[in-house]
């Protein structure tokens, strides 16, 4: 018997591949995410800088601020992606980020996807525009990082 069986002798159910999320749903989630990130940045960016500036008169230069924003947002995304595959906006839109086998993304994949998403979005949305021509309508940063956004099945609650 080459396949594993459970204690009752039956084979465990095979995992069905999840349905890829549609482009409109992913874009809507990104828009909602950008609104949520205003709050994240307000808490982690404005409040500490105001307190630092008032107390010491120190104002960091632009390069330091960009690195800080990059790291804060990276921590936000990686925290959620690694702890369940969903940010707050993704939970609302029933989306989940997974690797190509359907498992939770690795730390390396998460950082790679996050870092690649910046130029994908900042260069006039080139990586997002890519999805219009991709055979599965995936973003360029998902293709390069080996990740995908899937749609979670919506089950009625009893």
N, C-alpha and C. Protein backbone atom coordinates (compact mmCIF):
# COMPACT_ATOMS: atom_id res chain seq x y z
N UNK A 1 0.85 -1.17 0.00
CA UNK A 1 0.00 0.00 0.00
C UNK A 1 0.90 1.23 0.00
N UNK A 2 0.93 1.96 -1.09
CA UNK A 2 1.86 3.08 -1.22
C UNK A 2 1.32 4.38 -0.66
N UNK A 3 0.00 4.52 -0.54
CA UNK A 3 -0.56 5.77 -0.02
C UNK A 3 -0.83 5.61 1.46
N UNK A 4 -0.64 6.71 2.18
CA UNK A 4 -0.89 6.68 3.62
C UNK A 4 -2.39 6.58 3.88
N UNK A 5 -2.73 5.92 4.95
CA UNK A 5 -4.14 5.84 5.32
C UNK A 5 -4.29 6.24 6.77
N UNK A 6 -5.50 6.60 7.14
CA UNK A 6 -5.78 7.00 8.51
C UNK A 6 -6.01 5.76 9.35
N UNK A 7 -6.30 5.94 10.63
CA UNK A 7 -6.52 4.82 11.53
C UNK A 7 -7.72 3.99 11.09
N UNK A 8 -8.67 4.59 10.41
CA UNK A 8 -9.85 3.85 9.96
C UNK A 8 -9.62 3.17 8.62
N UNK A 9 -8.47 3.38 8.03
CA UNK A 9 -8.15 2.75 6.76
C UNK A 9 -8.47 3.62 5.55
N UNK A 10 -9.15 4.72 5.76
CA UNK A 10 -9.51 5.60 4.64
C UNK A 10 -8.37 6.58 4.37
N UNK A 11 -8.24 6.96 3.11
CA UNK A 11 -7.22 7.94 2.75
C UNK A 11 -7.66 9.33 3.19
N UNK A 12 -6.71 10.17 3.64
CA UNK A 12 -7.10 11.54 3.98
C UNK A 12 -7.51 12.28 2.71
N UNK A 13 -8.44 13.23 2.85
CA UNK A 13 -8.88 13.96 1.66
C UNK A 13 -7.74 14.78 1.08
N UNK A 14 -7.68 14.81 -0.25
CA UNK A 14 -6.65 15.62 -0.91
C UNK A 14 -7.08 17.08 -0.89
N UNK A 15 -6.11 17.96 -0.75
CA UNK A 15 -6.41 19.38 -0.74
C UNK A 15 -6.75 19.82 -2.15
N UNK A 16 -7.90 20.45 -2.28
CA UNK A 16 -8.32 20.97 -3.58
C UNK A 16 -7.62 22.30 -3.81
N UNK A 17 -7.14 22.54 -5.02
CA UNK A 17 -6.51 23.83 -5.29
C UNK A 17 -7.54 24.94 -5.15
N UNK A 18 -7.15 26.01 -4.47
CA UNK A 18 -8.05 27.13 -4.25
C UNK A 18 -8.20 27.93 -5.53
N UNK A 19 -9.34 28.57 -5.65
CA UNK A 19 -9.62 29.41 -6.81
C UNK A 19 -8.80 30.70 -6.71
N UNK A 20 -8.16 31.07 -7.80
CA UNK A 20 -7.43 32.33 -7.82
C UNK A 20 -8.41 33.48 -7.72
N UNK A 21 -8.03 34.49 -6.94
CA UNK A 21 -8.90 35.66 -6.78
C UNK A 21 -8.90 36.48 -8.05
N UNK A 22 -10.03 37.06 -8.35
CA UNK A 22 -10.17 37.89 -9.54
C UNK A 22 -9.43 39.22 -9.41
N UNK A 23 -9.12 39.80 -10.54
CA UNK A 23 -8.36 41.06 -10.57
C UNK A 23 -9.12 42.19 -9.88
N UNK A 24 -10.41 42.33 -10.13
CA UNK A 24 -11.17 43.41 -9.51
C UNK A 24 -11.20 43.30 -8.00
N UNK A 25 -11.38 42.10 -7.50
CA UNK A 25 -11.42 41.89 -6.06
C UNK A 25 -10.06 42.23 -5.43
N UNK A 26 -8.97 41.85 -6.10
CA UNK A 26 -7.63 42.15 -5.57
C UNK A 26 -7.36 43.65 -5.59
N UNK A 27 -7.79 44.33 -6.65
CA UNK A 27 -7.60 45.79 -6.72
C UNK A 27 -8.45 46.50 -5.66
N UNK A 28 -9.67 46.03 -5.44
CA UNK A 28 -10.52 46.61 -4.40
C UNK A 28 -9.89 46.41 -3.03
N UNK A 29 -9.33 45.25 -2.80
CA UNK A 29 -8.65 44.98 -1.54
C UNK A 29 -7.44 45.90 -1.36
N UNK A 30 -6.70 46.13 -2.45
CA UNK A 30 -5.55 47.04 -2.38
C UNK A 30 -5.99 48.46 -2.04
N UNK A 31 -7.08 48.90 -2.61
CA UNK A 31 -7.59 50.24 -2.32
C UNK A 31 -7.99 50.35 -0.85
N UNK A 32 -8.71 49.36 -0.35
CA UNK A 32 -9.11 49.35 1.05
C UNK A 32 -7.88 49.27 1.96
N UNK A 33 -6.91 48.47 1.57
CA UNK A 33 -5.67 48.34 2.34
C UNK A 33 -4.96 49.69 2.45
N UNK A 34 -4.95 50.45 1.37
CA UNK A 34 -4.27 51.76 1.40
C UNK A 34 -4.94 52.69 2.40
N UNK A 35 -6.26 52.59 2.55
CA UNK A 35 -6.95 53.40 3.56
C UNK A 35 -6.57 52.96 4.97
N UNK A 36 -6.49 51.66 5.18
CA UNK A 36 -6.10 51.14 6.50
C UNK A 36 -4.66 51.52 6.85
N UNK A 37 -3.80 51.58 5.83
CA UNK A 37 -2.40 51.91 6.07
C UNK A 37 -2.20 53.35 6.53
N UNK A 38 -3.16 54.21 6.24
CA UNK A 38 -3.09 55.58 6.76
C UNK A 38 -3.07 55.54 8.29
N UNK A 39 -3.91 54.70 8.86
CA UNK A 39 -3.93 54.55 10.32
C UNK A 39 -2.66 53.92 10.86
N UNK A 40 -2.16 52.91 10.16
CA UNK A 40 -0.91 52.27 10.58
C UNK A 40 0.22 53.28 10.59
N UNK A 41 0.32 54.06 9.52
CA UNK A 41 1.39 55.07 9.44
C UNK A 41 1.20 56.18 10.46
N UNK A 42 -0.04 56.55 10.74
CA UNK A 42 -0.29 57.58 11.74
C UNK A 42 0.23 57.14 13.10
N UNK A 43 -0.03 55.89 13.45
CA UNK A 43 0.42 55.39 14.75
C UNK A 43 1.93 55.18 14.82
N UNK A 44 2.49 54.66 13.77
CA UNK A 44 3.91 54.28 13.82
C UNK A 44 4.85 55.33 13.25
N UNK A 45 4.31 56.35 12.64
CA UNK A 45 5.13 57.33 11.96
C UNK A 45 4.92 58.72 12.55
N UNK A 46 3.71 59.20 12.48
CA UNK A 46 3.45 60.57 12.91
C UNK A 46 3.61 60.76 14.41
N UNK A 47 3.01 59.88 15.19
CA UNK A 47 3.06 60.05 16.65
C UNK A 47 4.50 60.02 17.17
N UNK A 48 5.31 59.01 16.84
CA UNK A 48 6.70 59.04 17.33
C UNK A 48 7.49 60.24 16.82
N UNK A 49 7.30 60.62 15.56
CA UNK A 49 8.05 61.75 15.03
C UNK A 49 7.64 63.07 15.68
N UNK A 50 6.36 63.22 15.94
CA UNK A 50 5.92 64.43 16.63
C UNK A 50 6.50 64.50 18.03
N UNK A 51 6.47 63.37 18.73
CA UNK A 51 7.02 63.35 20.09
C UNK A 51 8.52 63.59 20.06
N UNK A 52 9.22 63.00 19.11
CA UNK A 52 10.66 63.20 18.98
C UNK A 52 10.97 64.64 18.61
N UNK A 53 10.21 65.18 17.69
CA UNK A 53 10.44 66.56 17.26
C UNK A 53 10.15 67.56 18.34
N UNK A 54 9.08 67.36 19.09
CA UNK A 54 8.73 68.29 20.16
C UNK A 54 9.75 68.22 21.28
N UNK A 55 10.17 67.01 21.60
CA UNK A 55 11.10 66.85 22.72
C UNK A 55 12.53 67.26 22.40
N UNK A 56 12.98 67.03 21.19
CA UNK A 56 14.39 67.27 20.87
C UNK A 56 14.62 68.25 19.74
N UNK A 57 13.58 68.53 18.97
CA UNK A 57 13.75 69.40 17.82
C UNK A 57 14.38 68.70 16.63
N UNK A 58 14.54 67.38 16.70
CA UNK A 58 15.16 66.60 15.63
C UNK A 58 14.14 66.30 14.53
N UNK A 59 14.53 66.49 13.30
CA UNK A 59 13.71 66.12 12.15
C UNK A 59 14.57 65.28 11.20
N UNK A 60 14.22 64.00 11.03
CA UNK A 60 15.01 63.15 10.13
C UNK A 60 14.85 63.58 8.68
N UNK A 61 15.88 63.30 7.88
CA UNK A 61 15.80 63.68 6.47
C UNK A 61 14.93 62.69 5.69
N UNK A 62 14.66 63.01 4.44
CA UNK A 62 13.75 62.21 3.62
C UNK A 62 14.15 60.77 3.44
N UNK A 63 15.44 60.50 3.26
CA UNK A 63 15.90 59.13 3.07
C UNK A 63 15.62 58.25 4.27
N UNK A 64 15.86 58.80 5.45
CA UNK A 64 15.60 58.06 6.68
C UNK A 64 14.11 57.77 6.82
N UNK A 65 13.29 58.75 6.47
CA UNK A 65 11.84 58.57 6.57
C UNK A 65 11.34 57.49 5.61
N UNK A 66 11.87 57.46 4.39
CA UNK A 66 11.46 56.43 3.43
C UNK A 66 11.85 55.04 3.90
N UNK A 67 13.04 54.90 4.45
CA UNK A 67 13.48 53.60 4.98
C UNK A 67 12.57 53.18 6.13
N UNK A 68 12.23 54.13 6.99
CA UNK A 68 11.35 53.85 8.13
C UNK A 68 9.97 53.39 7.64
N UNK A 69 9.40 54.10 6.69
CA UNK A 69 8.09 53.72 6.14
C UNK A 69 8.16 52.34 5.49
N UNK A 70 9.21 52.09 4.72
CA UNK A 70 9.40 50.79 4.08
C UNK A 70 9.43 49.67 5.12
N UNK A 71 10.17 49.87 6.20
CA UNK A 71 10.28 48.83 7.23
C UNK A 71 8.99 48.66 8.03
N UNK A 72 8.33 49.76 8.35
CA UNK A 72 7.07 49.68 9.11
C UNK A 72 6.01 48.93 8.30
N UNK A 73 5.86 49.32 7.04
CA UNK A 73 4.86 48.65 6.20
C UNK A 73 5.25 47.20 5.94
N UNK A 74 6.54 46.94 5.78
CA UNK A 74 7.00 45.56 5.62
C UNK A 74 6.66 44.71 6.82
N UNK A 75 6.87 45.26 8.02
CA UNK A 75 6.53 44.53 9.24
C UNK A 75 5.03 44.26 9.31
N UNK A 76 4.23 45.25 8.93
CA UNK A 76 2.77 45.07 8.92
C UNK A 76 2.36 43.92 8.01
N UNK A 77 2.82 43.97 6.76
CA UNK A 77 2.42 42.93 5.80
C UNK A 77 2.96 41.56 6.19
N UNK A 78 4.22 41.49 6.58
CA UNK A 78 4.81 40.19 6.93
C UNK A 78 4.14 39.59 8.15
N UNK A 79 3.79 40.41 9.10
CA UNK A 79 3.10 39.93 10.31
C UNK A 79 1.81 39.21 9.91
N UNK A 80 1.00 39.84 9.11
CA UNK A 80 -0.27 39.24 8.71
C UNK A 80 -0.11 38.09 7.73
N UNK A 81 0.77 38.22 6.77
CA UNK A 81 0.96 37.15 5.79
C UNK A 81 1.47 35.88 6.44
N UNK A 82 2.35 36.01 7.43
CA UNK A 82 2.93 34.83 8.08
C UNK A 82 2.01 34.25 9.14
N UNK A 83 1.07 35.01 9.66
CA UNK A 83 0.20 34.54 10.73
C UNK A 83 -1.18 34.15 10.25
N UNK A 84 -1.33 33.83 9.02
CA UNK A 84 -2.63 33.40 8.53
C UNK A 84 -2.88 33.75 7.08
N UNK A 85 -1.94 34.48 6.48
CA UNK A 85 -2.05 34.77 5.06
C UNK A 85 -2.99 35.89 4.68
N UNK A 86 -3.48 36.64 5.66
CA UNK A 86 -4.45 37.68 5.36
C UNK A 86 -4.18 38.95 6.16
N UNK A 87 -4.13 40.08 5.46
CA UNK A 87 -4.14 41.37 6.14
C UNK A 87 -5.59 41.68 6.48
N UNK A 88 -5.82 42.80 7.15
CA UNK A 88 -7.19 43.16 7.52
C UNK A 88 -8.07 43.33 6.28
N UNK A 89 -7.54 43.99 5.26
CA UNK A 89 -8.32 44.18 4.03
C UNK A 89 -8.57 42.85 3.33
N UNK A 90 -7.60 41.97 3.34
CA UNK A 90 -7.76 40.67 2.70
C UNK A 90 -8.82 39.84 3.42
N UNK A 91 -8.92 39.98 4.74
CA UNK A 91 -9.96 39.29 5.48
C UNK A 91 -11.34 39.77 5.05
N UNK A 92 -11.46 41.08 4.88
CA UNK A 92 -12.73 41.66 4.46
C UNK A 92 -13.15 41.16 3.08
N UNK A 93 -12.20 41.07 2.17
CA UNK A 93 -12.49 40.67 0.80
C UNK A 93 -12.34 39.16 0.58
N UNK A 94 -12.15 38.39 1.66
CA UNK A 94 -12.05 36.92 1.58
C UNK A 94 -10.91 36.46 0.68
N UNK A 95 -9.75 37.11 0.83
CA UNK A 95 -8.56 36.78 0.06
C UNK A 95 -7.49 36.22 0.98
N UNK A 96 -6.61 35.43 0.42
CA UNK A 96 -5.50 34.88 1.19
C UNK A 96 -4.30 34.74 0.29
N UNK A 97 -3.12 35.06 0.83
CA UNK A 97 -1.87 34.88 0.08
C UNK A 97 -1.30 33.51 0.45
N UNK A 98 -0.92 32.76 -0.57
CA UNK A 98 -0.33 31.43 -0.37
C UNK A 98 0.84 31.26 -1.33
N UNK A 99 1.66 30.24 -1.05
CA UNK A 99 2.71 29.92 -2.02
C UNK A 99 2.10 29.04 -3.11
N UNK A 100 2.89 28.60 -4.04
CA UNK A 100 2.36 27.86 -5.19
C UNK A 100 1.75 26.51 -4.81
N UNK A 101 2.14 25.98 -3.65
CA UNK A 101 1.56 24.70 -3.21
C UNK A 101 0.34 24.91 -2.32
N UNK A 102 -0.02 26.16 -2.06
CA UNK A 102 -1.20 26.45 -1.24
C UNK A 102 -0.91 26.63 0.23
N UNK A 103 0.36 26.61 0.61
CA UNK A 103 0.75 26.77 2.02
C UNK A 103 1.04 28.23 2.34
N UNK A 104 1.23 28.51 3.62
CA UNK A 104 1.60 29.84 4.07
C UNK A 104 2.92 30.24 3.43
N UNK A 105 3.02 31.50 3.03
CA UNK A 105 4.26 31.96 2.40
C UNK A 105 5.40 31.94 3.40
N UNK A 106 6.59 31.66 2.92
CA UNK A 106 7.77 31.69 3.77
C UNK A 106 8.16 33.14 4.05
N UNK A 107 9.00 33.33 5.04
CA UNK A 107 9.48 34.68 5.35
C UNK A 107 10.21 35.26 4.14
N UNK A 108 11.00 34.46 3.48
CA UNK A 108 11.73 34.91 2.29
C UNK A 108 10.77 35.33 1.18
N UNK A 109 9.78 34.49 0.92
CA UNK A 109 8.80 34.82 -0.12
C UNK A 109 8.02 36.09 0.22
N UNK A 110 7.67 36.23 1.49
CA UNK A 110 6.93 37.41 1.91
C UNK A 110 7.72 38.68 1.71
N UNK A 111 8.99 38.67 2.13
CA UNK A 111 9.84 39.85 1.94
C UNK A 111 10.07 40.13 0.47
N UNK A 112 10.27 39.07 -0.31
CA UNK A 112 10.48 39.24 -1.74
C UNK A 112 9.24 39.85 -2.40
N UNK A 113 8.07 39.33 -2.08
CA UNK A 113 6.83 39.87 -2.64
C UNK A 113 6.65 41.33 -2.24
N UNK A 114 6.88 41.61 -0.97
CA UNK A 114 6.73 42.98 -0.48
C UNK A 114 7.69 43.93 -1.19
N UNK A 115 8.95 43.55 -1.27
CA UNK A 115 9.95 44.42 -1.90
C UNK A 115 9.65 44.62 -3.39
N UNK A 116 9.20 43.57 -4.06
CA UNK A 116 8.90 43.67 -5.49
C UNK A 116 7.60 44.44 -5.75
N UNK A 117 6.73 44.50 -4.78
CA UNK A 117 5.47 45.23 -4.97
C UNK A 117 5.71 46.74 -5.05
N UNK A 118 6.73 47.25 -4.37
CA UNK A 118 6.99 48.69 -4.41
C UNK A 118 7.23 49.20 -5.82
N UNK A 119 8.21 48.67 -6.55
CA UNK A 119 8.38 49.16 -7.93
C UNK A 119 7.18 48.80 -8.81
N UNK A 120 6.55 47.69 -8.50
CA UNK A 120 5.39 47.26 -9.27
C UNK A 120 4.28 48.31 -9.22
N UNK A 121 4.11 48.92 -8.07
CA UNK A 121 3.07 49.93 -7.88
C UNK A 121 3.59 51.32 -8.24
N UNK A 122 4.81 51.65 -7.81
CA UNK A 122 5.31 53.01 -7.98
C UNK A 122 5.64 53.38 -9.41
N UNK A 123 6.05 52.44 -10.24
CA UNK A 123 6.35 52.75 -11.63
C UNK A 123 5.08 52.71 -12.46
N UNK A 124 4.19 53.63 -12.13
CA UNK A 124 2.93 53.79 -12.86
C UNK A 124 2.10 52.52 -12.90
N UNK A 125 2.22 51.71 -11.85
CA UNK A 125 1.43 50.49 -11.77
C UNK A 125 1.81 49.43 -12.77
N UNK A 126 3.06 49.44 -13.23
CA UNK A 126 3.49 48.50 -14.28
C UNK A 126 3.24 47.05 -13.89
N UNK A 127 3.53 46.70 -12.65
CA UNK A 127 3.32 45.32 -12.21
C UNK A 127 1.86 44.96 -12.08
N UNK A 128 1.03 45.98 -11.85
CA UNK A 128 -0.41 45.74 -11.80
C UNK A 128 -0.97 45.62 -13.22
N UNK A 129 -0.45 46.45 -14.10
CA UNK A 129 -0.85 46.42 -15.51
C UNK A 129 -0.50 45.06 -16.12
N UNK A 130 0.59 44.47 -15.63
CA UNK A 130 1.04 43.15 -16.07
C UNK A 130 -0.10 42.13 -15.96
N UNK A 131 -0.91 42.26 -14.90
CA UNK A 131 -1.98 41.29 -14.65
C UNK A 131 -2.99 41.22 -15.78
N UNK A 132 -3.12 42.29 -16.54
CA UNK A 132 -4.07 42.28 -17.66
C UNK A 132 -3.64 41.29 -18.74
N UNK A 133 -2.34 41.04 -18.84
CA UNK A 133 -1.82 40.18 -19.90
C UNK A 133 -1.33 38.82 -19.40
N UNK A 134 -1.22 38.66 -18.09
CA UNK A 134 -0.78 37.40 -17.52
C UNK A 134 -1.87 36.34 -17.74
N UNK A 135 -1.46 35.11 -18.02
CA UNK A 135 -2.44 34.06 -18.35
C UNK A 135 -3.39 33.78 -17.19
N UNK A 136 -2.94 34.01 -15.94
CA UNK A 136 -3.81 33.80 -14.78
C UNK A 136 -4.17 35.13 -14.11
N UNK A 137 -3.85 36.22 -14.76
CA UNK A 137 -4.12 37.58 -14.26
C UNK A 137 -3.46 37.84 -12.91
N UNK A 138 -2.26 37.29 -12.72
CA UNK A 138 -1.50 37.50 -11.49
C UNK A 138 -0.62 38.74 -11.64
N UNK A 139 -0.38 39.41 -10.52
CA UNK A 139 0.53 40.56 -10.52
C UNK A 139 1.96 40.08 -10.75
N UNK A 140 2.79 40.96 -11.27
CA UNK A 140 4.18 40.60 -11.55
C UNK A 140 4.91 40.21 -10.27
N UNK A 141 4.69 40.95 -9.18
CA UNK A 141 5.40 40.63 -7.93
C UNK A 141 4.97 39.26 -7.39
N UNK A 142 3.75 38.83 -7.64
CA UNK A 142 3.34 37.49 -7.23
C UNK A 142 4.03 36.43 -8.09
N UNK A 143 4.11 36.67 -9.37
CA UNK A 143 4.81 35.73 -10.26
C UNK A 143 6.26 35.55 -9.83
N UNK A 144 6.94 36.67 -9.60
CA UNK A 144 8.37 36.61 -9.27
C UNK A 144 8.63 36.02 -7.89
N UNK A 145 7.72 36.23 -6.95
CA UNK A 145 7.92 35.72 -5.58
C UNK A 145 7.38 34.31 -5.39
N UNK A 146 6.68 33.78 -6.37
CA UNK A 146 6.12 32.43 -6.22
C UNK A 146 4.93 32.41 -5.27
N UNK A 147 4.15 33.47 -5.29
CA UNK A 147 2.96 33.55 -4.44
C UNK A 147 1.74 33.76 -5.32
N UNK A 148 0.59 33.60 -4.71
CA UNK A 148 -0.66 33.89 -5.40
C UNK A 148 -1.71 34.28 -4.38
N UNK A 149 -2.69 35.02 -4.85
CA UNK A 149 -3.80 35.43 -4.00
C UNK A 149 -5.00 34.57 -4.39
N UNK A 150 -5.53 33.86 -3.41
CA UNK A 150 -6.65 32.97 -3.67
C UNK A 150 -7.90 33.49 -2.98
N UNK A 151 -9.02 33.04 -3.48
CA UNK A 151 -10.32 33.41 -2.93
C UNK A 151 -10.73 32.33 -1.94
N UNK A 152 -11.05 32.74 -0.73
CA UNK A 152 -11.51 31.78 0.26
C UNK A 152 -12.97 31.46 -0.01
N UNK A 153 -13.33 30.22 0.18
CA UNK A 153 -14.73 29.85 -0.05
C UNK A 153 -15.59 30.49 1.03
N UNK A 154 -16.71 30.97 0.60
CA UNK A 154 -17.64 31.61 1.53
C UNK A 154 -18.66 30.55 1.92
N UNK A 155 -18.66 30.19 3.21
CA UNK A 155 -19.60 29.18 3.68
C UNK A 155 -20.64 29.86 4.56
N UNK A 156 -21.90 29.51 4.37
CA UNK A 156 -22.94 30.13 5.20
C UNK A 156 -22.79 29.69 6.65
N UNK A 157 -23.03 30.62 7.55
CA UNK A 157 -22.92 30.31 8.97
C UNK A 157 -24.28 29.84 9.48
N UNK A 158 -24.24 28.85 10.37
CA UNK A 158 -25.50 28.31 10.93
C UNK A 158 -26.04 29.21 12.00
